[in-house]
Amino acid sequence: MSLKDVIAADLDVFLNTDEFADEHILDGKKIRLVVAADTLNGTPLPHAEGVSLWRKVIHVSCTDLGYRPNEGGLLELDEQVYEVVNVEEQDGLYAITLEANTM
């Protein structure tokens, strides 16, 4: 088995809903992904007086998503719209940093 085959098999485990991933709605499409939230004890990070910053990093298969999101663009995750702050691709997986401000 080649290294690429081993990495692909690891992605199947990482994105398995019985292991790490959950199903979410991303831009209207049901997709398996892993969400890491950047919050303080489940509450948003303080951003400015009266405004809170929600930041999430999602890990999703490049193939499952089907396109590379544009930094500065918008993505809808589970009916919440976020700005795409950063997109990194490594071994068939996107790590996408999302932010949303709330009042």
PDB file of N, CA and C in Angstrom:
ATOM      1  N   MET A   1       0.843  -1.171   0.000  1.00  0.00           N
ATOM      2  CA  MET A   1       0.000   0.000   0.000  1.00  0.00           C
ATOM      3  C   MET A   1       0.897   1.247   0.000  1.00  0.00           C
ATOM      4  N   SER A   2       0.538   2.221  -0.828  1.00  0.00           N
ATOM      5  CA  SER A   2       1.330   3.443  -0.922  1.00  0.00           C
ATOM      6  C   SER A   2       0.981   4.392   0.222  1.00  0.00           C
ATOM      7  N   LEU A   3       1.830   5.399   0.415  1.00  0.00           N
ATOM      8  CA  LEU A   3       1.590   6.398   1.451  1.00  0.00           C
ATOM      9  C   LEU A   3       0.275   7.123   1.191  1.00  0.00           C
ATOM     10  N   LYS A   4      -0.030   7.424  -0.069  1.00  0.00           N
ATOM     11  CA  LYS A   4      -1.291   8.089  -0.406  1.00  0.00           C
ATOM     12  C   LYS A   4      -2.486   7.228   0.002  1.00  0.00           C
ATOM     13  N   ASP A   5      -2.378   5.918  -0.171  1.00  0.00           N
ATOM     14  CA  ASP A   5      -3.455   5.016   0.235  1.00  0.00           C
ATOM     15  C   ASP A   5      -3.639   5.032   1.750  1.00  0.00           C
ATOM     16  N   VAL A   6      -2.528   5.072   2.479  1.00  0.00           N
ATOM     17  CA  VAL A   6      -2.590   5.104   3.945  1.00  0.00           C
ATOM     18  C   VAL A   6      -3.239   6.402   4.415  1.00  0.00           C
ATOM     19  N   ILE A   7      -2.864   7.520   3.813  1.00  0.00           N
ATOM     20  CA  ILE A   7      -3.440   8.819   4.181  1.00  0.00           C
ATOM     21  C   ILE A   7      -4.936   8.840   3.869  1.00  0.00           C
ATOM     22  N   ALA A   8      -5.333   8.300   2.715  1.00  0.00           N
ATOM     23  CA  ALA A   8      -6.753   8.250   2.354  1.00  0.00           C
ATOM     24  C   ALA A   8      -7.529   7.405   3.354  1.00  0.00           C
ATOM     25  N   ALA A   9      -6.950   6.300   3.792  1.00  0.00           N
ATOM     26  CA  ALA A   9      -7.608   5.450   4.791  1.00  0.00           C
ATOM     27  C   ALA A   9      -7.740   6.191   6.117  1.00  0.00           C
ATOM     28  N   ASP A  10      -6.729   6.964   6.496  1.00  0.00           N
ATOM     29  CA  ASP A  10      -6.799   7.760   7.722  1.00  0.00           C
ATOM     30  C   ASP A  10      -7.913   8.799   7.647  1.00  0.00           C
ATOM     31  N   LEU A  11      -8.104   9.405   6.462  1.00  0.00           N
ATOM     32  CA  LEU A  11      -9.183  10.378   6.291  1.00  0.00           C
ATOM     33  C   LEU A  11     -10.540   9.721   6.505  1.00  0.00           C
ATOM     34  N   ASP A  12     -10.682   8.480   6.033  1.00  0.00           N
ATOM     35  CA  ASP A  12     -11.939   7.766   6.225  1.00  0.00           C
ATOM     36  C   ASP A  12     -12.240   7.572   7.709  1.00  0.00           C
ATOM     37  N   VAL A  13     -11.215   7.328   8.516  1.00  0.00           N
ATOM     38  CA  VAL A  13     -11.411   7.180   9.962  1.00  0.00           C
ATOM     39  C   VAL A  13     -11.724   8.535  10.588  1.00  0.00           C
ATOM     40  N   PHE A  14     -10.956   9.569  10.222  1.00  0.00           N
ATOM     41  CA  PHE A  14     -11.134  10.898  10.791  1.00  0.00           C
ATOM     42  C   PHE A  14     -12.524  11.449  10.489  1.00  0.00           C
ATOM     43  N   LEU A  15     -13.016  11.203   9.273  1.00  0.00           N
ATOM     44  CA  LEU A  15     -14.310  11.739   8.862  1.00  0.00           C
ATOM     45  C   LEU A  15     -15.451  10.743   9.058  1.00  0.00           C
ATOM     46  N   ASN A  16     -15.213   9.683   9.796  1.00  0.00           N
ATOM     47  CA  ASN A  16     -16.233   8.695  10.096  1.00  0.00           C
ATOM     48  C   ASN A  16     -17.125   9.253  11.208  1.00  0.00           C
ATOM     49  N   THR A  17     -18.438   9.221  11.000  1.00  0.00           N
ATOM     50  CA  THR A  17     -19.352   9.773  12.000  1.00  0.00           C
ATOM     51  C   THR A  17     -19.417   8.925  13.270  1.00  0.00           C
ATOM     52  N   ASP A  18     -18.884   7.713  13.233  1.00  0.00           N
ATOM     53  CA  ASP A  18     -18.797   6.906  14.453  1.00  0.00           C
ATOM     54  C   ASP A  18     -17.516   7.205  15.228  1.00  0.00           C
ATOM     55  N   GLU A  19     -16.621   7.967  14.648  1.00  0.00           N
ATOM     56  CA  GLU A  19     -15.335   8.274  15.289  1.00  0.00           C
ATOM     57  C   GLU A  19     -15.262   9.749  15.686  1.00  0.00           C
ATOM     58  N   PHE A  20     -14.908  10.624  14.723  1.00  0.00           N
ATOM     59  CA  PHE A  20     -14.658  12.038  15.040  1.00  0.00           C
ATOM     60  C   PHE A  20     -15.676  12.994  14.424  1.00  0.00           C
ATOM     61  N   ALA A  21     -16.128  12.716  13.226  1.00  0.00           N
ATOM     62  CA  ALA A  21     -16.941  13.659  12.460  1.00  0.00           C
ATOM     63  C   ALA A  21     -18.419  13.587  12.827  1.00  0.00           C
ATOM     64  N   ASP A  22     -19.128  14.632  12.446  1.00  0.00           N
ATOM     65  CA  ASP A  22     -20.578  14.684  12.532  1.00  0.00           C
ATOM     66  C   ASP A  22     -21.090  15.200  11.193  1.00  0.00           C
ATOM     67  N   GLU A  23     -22.363  14.946  10.910  1.00  0.00           N
ATOM     68  CA  GLU A  23     -22.955  15.494   9.704  1.00  0.00           C
ATOM     69  C   GLU A  23     -23.441  16.905   9.994  1.00  0.00           C
ATOM     70  N   HIS A  24     -23.125  17.810   9.084  1.00  0.00           N
ATOM     71  CA  HIS A  24     -23.540  19.205   9.178  1.00  0.00           C
ATOM     72  C   HIS A  24     -24.055  19.642   7.819  1.00  0.00           C
ATOM     73  N   ILE A  25     -24.739  20.763   7.793  1.00  0.00           N
ATOM     74  CA  ILE A  25     -25.170  21.357   6.533  1.00  0.00           C
ATOM     75  C   ILE A  25     -24.196  22.486   6.213  1.00  0.00           C
ATOM     76  N   LEU A  26     -23.440  22.308   5.142  1.00  0.00           N
ATOM     77  CA  LEU A  26     -22.448  23.298   4.707  1.00  0.00           C
ATOM     78  C   LEU A  26     -22.850  23.791   3.331  1.00  0.00           C
ATOM     79  N   ASP A  27     -23.219  25.066   3.253  1.00  0.00           N
ATOM     80  CA  ASP A  27     -23.713  25.675   2.016  1.00  0.00           C
ATOM     81  C   ASP A  27     -24.808  24.837   1.363  1.00  0.00           C
ATOM     82  N   GLY A  28     -25.755  24.380   2.195  1.00  0.00           N
ATOM     83  CA  GLY A  28     -26.913  23.662   1.694  1.00  0.00           C
ATOM     84  C   GLY A  28     -26.695  22.191   1.406  1.00  0.00           C
ATOM     85  N   LYS A  29     -25.498  21.681   1.691  1.00  0.00           N
ATOM     86  CA  LYS A  29     -25.172  20.283   1.395  1.00  0.00           C
ATOM     87  C   LYS A  29     -24.858  19.544   2.698  1.00  0.00           C
ATOM     88  N   LYS A  30     -25.503  18.383   2.905  1.00  0.00           N
ATOM     89  CA  LYS A  30     -25.196  17.563   4.081  1.00  0.00           C
ATOM     90  C   LYS A  30     -23.828  16.929   3.855  1.00  0.00           C
ATOM     91  N   ILE A  31     -22.922  17.139   4.815  1.00  0.00           N
ATOM     92  CA  ILE A  31     -21.539  16.706   4.627  1.00  0.00           C
ATOM     93  C   ILE A  31     -20.934  16.317   5.974  1.00  0.00           C
ATOM     94  N   ARG A  32     -20.025  15.346   5.955  1.00  0.00           N
ATOM     95  CA  ARG A  32     -19.318  14.940   7.173  1.00  0.00           C
ATOM     96  C   ARG A  32     -18.126  15.863   7.373  1.00  0.00           C
ATOM     97  N   LEU A  33     -18.009  16.407   8.585  1.00  0.00           N
ATOM     98  CA  LEU A  33     -16.872  17.261   8.885  1.00  0.00           C
ATOM     99  C   LEU A  33     -16.645  17.301  10.384  1.00  0.00           C
ATOM    100  N   VAL A  34     -15.490  17.813  10.760  1.00  0.00           N
ATOM    101  CA  VAL A  34     -15.134  17.972  12.167  1.00  0.00           C
ATOM    102  C   VAL A  34     -15.080  19.462  12.457  1.00  0.00           C
ATOM    103  N   VAL A  35     -15.749  19.890  13.531  1.00  0.00           N
ATOM    104  CA  VAL A  35     -15.781  21.301  13.919  1.00  0.00           C
ATOM    105  C   VAL A  35     -14.996  21.483  15.208  1.00  0.00           C
ATOM    106  N   ALA A  36     -14.063  22.426  15.191  1.00  0.00           N
ATOM    107  CA  ALA A  36     -13.338  22.828  16.395  1.00  0.00           C
ATOM    108  C   ALA A  36     -13.711  24.284  16.649  1.00  0.00           C
ATOM    109  N   ALA A  37     -14.331  24.568  17.785  1.00  0.00           N
ATOM    110  CA  ALA A  37     -14.772  25.928  18.100  1.00  0.00           C
ATOM    111  C   ALA A  37     -13.738  26.622  18.971  1.00  0.00           C
ATOM    112  N   ASP A  38     -13.493  27.881  18.684  1.00  0.00           N
ATOM    113  CA  ASP A  38     -12.560  28.699  19.439  1.00  0.00           C
ATOM    114  C   ASP A  38     -13.380  29.626  20.323  1.00  0.00           C
ATOM    115  N   THR A  39     -13.771  29.131  21.491  1.00  0.00           N
ATOM    116  CA  THR A  39     -14.599  29.900  22.409  1.00  0.00           C
ATOM    117  C   THR A  39     -14.027  29.797  23.815  1.00  0.00           C
ATOM    118  N   LEU A  40     -14.583  30.572  24.716  1.00  0.00           N
ATOM    119  CA  LEU A  40     -14.214  30.493  26.127  1.00  0.00           C
ATOM    120  C   LEU A  40     -15.362  29.832  26.865  1.00  0.00           C
ATOM    121  N   ASN A  41     -15.185  28.597  27.266  1.00  0.00           N
ATOM    122  CA  ASN A  41     -16.210  27.853  28.002  1.00  0.00           C
ATOM    123  C   ASN A  41     -17.569  27.890  27.300  1.00  0.00           C
ATOM    124  N   GLY A  42     -17.561  27.746  25.969  1.00  0.00           N
ATOM    125  CA  GLY A  42     -18.810  27.707  25.218  1.00  0.00           C
ATOM    126  C   GLY A  42     -19.398  29.062  24.896  1.00  0.00           C
ATOM    127  N   THR A  43     -18.739  30.149  25.299  1.00  0.00           N
ATOM    128  CA  THR A  43     -19.231  31.481  24.966  1.00  0.00           C
ATOM    129  C   THR A  43     -18.263  32.117  23.966  1.00  0.00           C
ATOM    130  N   PRO A  44     -18.749  33.040  23.150  1.00  0.00           N
ATOM    131  CA  PRO A  44     -17.881  33.642  22.140  1.00  0.00           C
ATOM    132  C   PRO A  44     -16.742  34.450  22.750  1.00  0.00           C
ATOM    133  N   LEU A  45     -15.710  34.637  21.957  1.00  0.00           N
ATOM    134  CA  LEU A  45     -14.571  35.445  22.384  1.00  0.00           C
ATOM    135  C   LEU A  45     -14.963  36.916  22.406  1.00  0.00           C
ATOM    136  N   PRO A  46     -14.514  37.679  23.399  1.00  0.00           N
ATOM    137  CA  PRO A  46     -14.805  39.116  23.387  1.00  0.00           C
ATOM    138  C   PRO A  46     -14.085  39.769  22.208  1.00  0.00           C
ATOM    139  N   HIS A  47     -14.797  40.610  21.486  1.00  0.00           N
ATOM    140  CA  HIS A  47     -14.222  41.223  20.289  1.00  0.00           C
ATOM    141  C   HIS A  47     -14.177  42.742  20.432  1.00  0.00           C
ATOM    142  N   ALA A  48     -15.295  43.327  20.739  1.00  0.00           N
ATOM    143  CA  ALA A  48     -15.402  44.761  20.997  1.00  0.00           C
ATOM    144  C   ALA A  48     -16.628  44.918  21.894  1.00  0.00           C
ATOM    145  N   GLU A  49     -16.748  46.047  22.521  1.00  0.00           N
ATOM    146  CA  GLU A  49     -17.867  46.220  23.440  1.00  0.00           C
ATOM    147  C   GLU A  49     -19.192  45.999  22.716  1.00  0.00           C
ATOM    148  N   GLY A  50     -19.974  45.045  23.217  1.00  0.00           N
ATOM    149  CA  GLY A  50     -21.273  44.747  22.627  1.00  0.00           C
ATOM    150  C   GLY A  50     -21.232  43.804  21.444  1.00  0.00           C
ATOM    151  N   VAL A  51     -20.048  43.390  21.031  1.00  0.00           N
ATOM    152  CA  VAL A  51     -19.904  42.499  19.876  1.00  0.00           C
ATOM    153  C   VAL A  51     -19.074  41.292  20.294  1.00  0.00           C
ATOM    154  N   SER A  52     -19.521  40.113  19.903  1.00  0.00           N
ATOM    155  CA  SER A  52     -18.790  38.886  20.201  1.00  0.00           C
ATOM    156  C   SER A  52     -18.306  38.249  18.904  1.00  0.00           C
ATOM    157  N   LEU A  53     -17.205  37.559  18.980  1.00  0.00           N
ATOM    158  CA  LEU A  53     -16.617  36.915  17.817  1.00  0.00           C
ATOM    159  C   LEU A  53     -16.698  35.408  17.995  1.00  0.00           C
ATOM    160  N   TRP A  54     -17.380  34.748  17.079  1.00  0.00           N
ATOM    161  CA  TRP A  54     -17.420  33.291  17.050  1.00  0.00           C
ATOM    162  C   TRP A  54     -16.409  32.836  16.010  1.00  0.00           C
ATOM    163  N   ARG A  55     -15.527  31.950  16.376  1.00  0.00           N
ATOM    164  CA  ARG A  55     -14.534  31.421  15.442  1.00  0.00           C
ATOM    165  C   ARG A  55     -14.609  29.907  15.483  1.00  0.00           C
ATOM    166  N   LYS A  56     -14.646  29.312  14.310  1.00  0.00           N
ATOM    167  CA  LYS A  56     -14.653  27.857  14.190  1.00  0.00           C
ATOM    168  C   LYS A  56     -13.657  27.454  13.121  1.00  0.00           C
ATOM    169  N   VAL A  57     -13.042  26.313  13.343  1.00  0.00           N
ATOM    170  CA  VAL A  57     -12.212  25.699  12.314  1.00  0.00           C
ATOM    171  C   VAL A  57     -12.899  24.394  11.954  1.00  0.00           C
ATOM    172  N   ILE A  58     -13.209  24.240  10.679  1.00  0.00           N
ATOM    173  CA  ILE A  58     -13.812  22.995  10.235  1.00  0.00           C
ATOM    174  C   ILE A  58     -12.807  22.227   9.398  1.00  0.00           C
ATOM    175  N   HIS A  59     -12.865  20.918   9.515  1.00  0.00           N
ATOM    176  CA  HIS A  59     -12.005  20.025   8.745  1.00  0.00           C
ATOM    177  C   HIS A  59     -12.928  19.191   7.870  1.00  0.00           C
ATOM    178  N   VAL A  60     -12.730  19.295   6.560  1.00  0.00           N
ATOM    179  CA  VAL A  60     -13.626  18.646   5.609  1.00  0.00           C
ATOM    180  C   VAL A  60     -12.810  18.098   4.445  1.00  0.00           C
ATOM    181  N   SER A  61     -13.260  16.995   3.892  1.00  0.00           N
ATOM    182  CA  SER A  61     -12.601  16.391   2.732  1.00  0.00           C
ATOM    183  C   SER A  61     -12.699  17.327   1.534  1.00  0.00           C
ATOM    184  N   CYS A  62     -11.582  17.543   0.851  1.00  0.00           N
ATOM    185  CA  CYS A  62     -11.579  18.368  -0.357  1.00  0.00           C
ATOM    186  C   CYS A  62     -12.537  17.778  -1.396  1.00  0.00           C
ATOM    187  N   THR A  63     -12.546  16.458  -1.517  1.00  0.00           N
ATOM    188  CA  THR A  63     -13.399  15.776  -2.484  1.00  0.00           C
ATOM    189  C   THR A  63     -14.871  15.933  -2.116  1.00  0.00           C
ATOM    190  N   ASP A  64     -15.204  15.749  -0.839  1.00  0.00           N
ATOM    191  CA  ASP A  64     -16.601  15.877  -0.412  1.00  0.00           C
ATOM    192  C   ASP A  64     -17.123  17.294  -0.620  1.00  0.00           C
ATOM    193  N   LEU A  65     -16.297  18.298  -0.315  1.00  0.00           N
ATOM    194  CA  LEU A  65     -16.733  19.675  -0.487  1.00  0.00           C
ATOM    195  C   LEU A  65     -16.838  20.029  -1.964  1.00  0.00           C
ATOM    196  N   GLY A  66     -15.861  19.599  -2.759  1.00  0.00           N
ATOM    197  CA  GLY A  66     -15.934  19.788  -4.202  1.00  0.00           C
ATOM    198  C   GLY A  66     -15.369  21.087  -4.732  1.00  0.00           C
ATOM    199  N   TYR A  67     -14.955  21.991  -3.883  1.00  0.00           N
ATOM    200  CA  TYR A  67     -14.354  23.257  -4.305  1.00  0.00           C
ATOM    201  C   TYR A  67     -13.540  23.821  -3.152  1.00  0.00           C
ATOM    202  N   ARG A  68     -12.636  24.747  -3.479  1.00  0.00           N
ATOM    203  CA  ARG A  68     -11.852  25.417  -2.442  1.00  0.00           C
ATOM    204  C   ARG A  68     -12.519  26.758  -2.133  1.00  0.00           C
ATOM    205  N   PRO A  69     -12.979  26.961  -0.901  1.00  0.00           N
ATOM    206  CA  PRO A  69     -13.610  28.242  -0.553  1.00  0.00           C
ATOM    207  C   PRO A  69     -12.618  29.404  -0.687  1.00  0.00           C
ATOM    208  N   ASN A  70     -13.152  30.559  -1.015  1.00  0.00           N
ATOM    209  CA  ASN A  70     -12.331  31.757  -1.146  1.00  0.00           C
ATOM    210  C   ASN A  70     -12.204  32.468   0.198  1.00  0.00           C
ATOM    211  N   GLU A  71     -10.986  32.813   0.575  1.00  0.00           N
ATOM    212  CA  GLU A  71     -10.775  33.600   1.778  1.00  0.00           C
ATOM    213  C   GLU A  71     -11.439  34.960   1.576  1.00  0.00           C
ATOM    214  N   GLY A  72     -12.177  35.403   2.581  1.00  0.00           N
ATOM    215  CA  GLY A  72     -12.946  36.644   2.479  1.00  0.00           C
ATOM    216  C   GLY A  72     -14.363  36.402   2.002  1.00  0.00           C
ATOM    217  N   GLY A  73     -14.630  35.206   1.507  1.00  0.00           N
ATOM    218  CA  GLY A  73     -15.976  34.849   1.070  1.00  0.00           C
ATOM    219  C   GLY A  73     -16.819  34.394   2.253  1.00  0.00           C
ATOM    220  N   LEU A  74     -18.025  33.966   1.962  1.00  0.00           N
ATOM    221  CA  LEU A  74     -18.953  33.532   3.000  1.00  0.00           C
ATOM    222  C   LEU A  74     -19.281  32.055   2.836  1.00  0.00           C
ATOM    223  N   LEU A  75     -19.462  31.380   3.966  1.00  0.00           N
ATOM    224  CA  LEU A  75     -19.937  29.997   4.011  1.00  0.00           C
ATOM    225  C   LEU A  75     -21.057  29.924   5.036  1.00  0.00           C
ATOM    226  N   GLU A  76     -22.063  29.121   4.740  1.00  0.00           N
ATOM    227  CA  GLU A  76     -23.144  28.904   5.690  1.00  0.00           C
ATOM    228  C   GLU A  76     -22.961  27.521   6.306  1.00  0.00           C
ATOM    229  N   LEU A  77     -22.810  27.486   7.617  1.00  0.00           N
ATOM    230  CA  LEU A  77     -22.659  26.245   8.371  1.00  0.00           C
ATOM    231  C   LEU A  77     -23.827  26.140   9.339  1.00  0.00           C
ATOM    232  N   ASP A  78     -24.664  25.130   9.136  1.00  0.00           N
ATOM    233  CA  ASP A  78     -25.806  24.894  10.023  1.00  0.00           C
ATOM    234  C   ASP A  78     -26.641  26.153  10.238  1.00  0.00           C
ATOM    235  N   GLU A  79     -26.990  26.809   9.136  1.00  0.00           N
ATOM    236  CA  GLU A  79     -27.869  27.986   9.102  1.00  0.00           C
ATOM    237  C   GLU A  79     -27.262  29.237   9.728  1.00  0.00           C
ATOM    238  N   GLN A  80     -25.948  29.253   9.936  1.00  0.00           N
ATOM    239  CA  GLN A  80     -25.236  30.449  10.415  1.00  0.00           C
ATOM    240  C   GLN A  80     -24.208  30.824   9.341  1.00  0.00           C
ATOM    241  N   VAL A  81     -24.203  32.097   8.963  1.00  0.00           N
ATOM    242  CA  VAL A  81     -23.275  32.562   7.934  1.00  0.00           C
ATOM    243  C   VAL A  81     -21.980  33.023   8.590  1.00  0.00           C
ATOM    244  N   TYR A  82     -20.865  32.556   8.040  1.00  0.00           N
ATOM    245  CA  TYR A  82     -19.532  32.886   8.537  1.00  0.00           C
ATOM    246  C   TYR A  82     -18.688  33.441   7.400  1.00  0.00           C
ATOM    247  N   GLU A  83     -17.720  34.272   7.763  1.00  0.00           N
ATOM    248  CA  GLU A  83     -16.702  34.713   6.807  1.00  0.00           C
ATOM    249  C   GLU A  83     -15.570  33.696   6.824  1.00  0.00           C
ATOM    250  N   VAL A  84     -15.064  33.368   5.638  1.00  0.00           N
ATOM    251  CA  VAL A  84     -13.927  32.463   5.520  1.00  0.00           C
ATOM    252  C   VAL A  84     -12.660  33.283   5.741  1.00  0.00           C
ATOM    253  N   VAL A  85     -11.960  32.999   6.827  1.00  0.00           N
ATOM    254  CA  VAL A  85     -10.766  33.754   7.197  1.00  0.00           C
ATOM    255  C   VAL A  85      -9.512  33.118   6.614  1.00  0.00           C
ATOM    256  N   ASN A  86      -9.467  31.786   6.611  1.00  0.00           N
ATOM    257  CA  ASN A  86      -8.274  31.080   6.145  1.00  0.00           C
ATOM    258  C   ASN A  86      -8.678  29.708   5.625  1.00  0.00           C
ATOM    259  N   VAL A  87      -7.989  29.257   4.579  1.00  0.00           N
ATOM    260  CA  VAL A  87      -8.189  27.911   4.040  1.00  0.00           C
ATOM    261  C   VAL A  87      -6.817  27.287   3.830  1.00  0.00           C
ATOM    262  N   GLU A  88      -6.625  26.132   4.458  1.00  0.00           N
ATOM    263  CA  GLU A  88      -5.382  25.376   4.267  1.00  0.00           C
ATOM    264  C   GLU A  88      -5.748  23.990   3.778  1.00  0.00           C
ATOM    265  N   GLU A  89      -4.970  23.494   2.821  1.00  0.00           N
ATOM    266  CA  GLU A  89      -5.194  22.157   2.287  1.00  0.00           C
ATOM    267  C   GLU A  89      -3.997  21.283   2.602  1.00  0.00           C
ATOM    268  N   GLN A  90      -4.270  20.102   3.123  1.00  0.00           N
ATOM    269  CA  GLN A  90      -3.184  19.164   3.393  1.00  0.00           C
ATOM    270  C   GLN A  90      -3.704  17.744   3.242  1.00  0.00           C
ATOM    271  N   ASP A  91      -3.106  17.023   2.333  1.00  0.00           N
ATOM    272  CA  ASP A  91      -3.390  15.601   2.146  1.00  0.00           C
ATOM    273  C   ASP A  91      -4.873  15.305   1.972  1.00  0.00           C
ATOM    274  N   GLY A  92      -5.553  16.100   1.141  1.00  0.00           N
ATOM    275  CA  GLY A  92      -6.952  15.832   0.833  1.00  0.00           C
ATOM    276  C   GLY A  92      -7.953  16.372   1.827  1.00  0.00           C
ATOM    277  N   LEU A  93      -7.490  17.197   2.762  1.00  0.00           N
ATOM    278  CA  LEU A  93      -8.365  17.737   3.796  1.00  0.00           C
ATOM    279  C   LEU A  93      -8.198  19.256   3.848  1.00  0.00           C
ATOM    280  N   TYR A  94      -9.323  19.979   3.865  1.00  0.00           N
ATOM    281  CA  TYR A  94      -9.294  21.423   4.072  1.00  0.00           C
ATOM    282  C   TYR A  94      -9.458  21.707   5.562  1.00  0.00           C
ATOM    283  N   ALA A  95      -8.674  22.634   6.080  1.00  0.00           N
ATOM    284  CA  ALA A  95      -8.888  23.227   7.397  1.00  0.00           C
ATOM    285  C   ALA A  95      -9.343  24.655   7.105  1.00  0.00           C
ATOM    286  N   ILE A  96     -10.606  24.937   7.389  1.00  0.00           N
ATOM    287  CA  ILE A  96     -11.204  26.230   7.026  1.00  0.00           C
ATOM    288  C   ILE A  96     -11.543  26.980   8.323  1.00  0.00           C
ATOM    289  N   THR A  97     -10.947  28.161   8.477  1.00  0.00           N
ATOM    290  CA  THR A  97     -11.231  28.996   9.645  1.00  0.00           C
ATOM    291  C   THR A  97     -12.372  29.933   9.292  1.00  0.00           C
ATOM    292  N   LEU A  98     -13.419  29.894  10.122  1.00  0.00           N
ATOM    293  CA  LEU A  98     -14.610  30.702   9.926  1.00  0.00           C
ATOM    294  C   LEU A  98     -14.797  31.658  11.099  1.00  0.00           C
ATOM    295  N   GLU A  99     -15.326  32.862  10.824  1.00  0.00           N
ATOM    296  CA  GLU A  99     -15.616  33.819  11.891  1.00  0.00           C
ATOM    297  C   GLU A  99     -16.971  34.442  11.652  1.00  0.00           C
ATOM    298  N   ALA A 100     -17.666  34.763  12.747  1.00  0.00           N
ATOM    299  CA  ALA A 100     -18.932  35.499  12.680  1.00  0.00           C
ATOM    300  C   ALA A 100     -19.007  36.422  13.880  1.00  0.00           C
ATOM    301  N   ASN A 101     -19.440  37.632  13.663  1.00  0.00           N
ATOM    302  CA  ASN A 101     -19.659  38.597  14.745  1.00  0.00           C
ATOM    303  C   ASN A 101     -21.133  38.585  15.103  1.00  0.00           C
ATOM    304  N   THR A 102     -21.410  38.650  16.400  1.00  0.00           N
ATOM    305  CA  THR A 102     -22.791  38.727  16.860  1.00  0.00           C
ATOM    306  C   THR A 102     -22.900  39.855  17.881  1.00  0.00           C
ATOM    307  N   MET A 103     -24.075  40.418  17.981  1.00  0.00           N
ATOM    308  CA  MET A 103     -24.300  41.492  18.962  1.00  0.00           C
ATOM    309  C   MET A 103     -25.201  40.996  20.051  1.00  0.00           C
TER     310      MET A 103
END
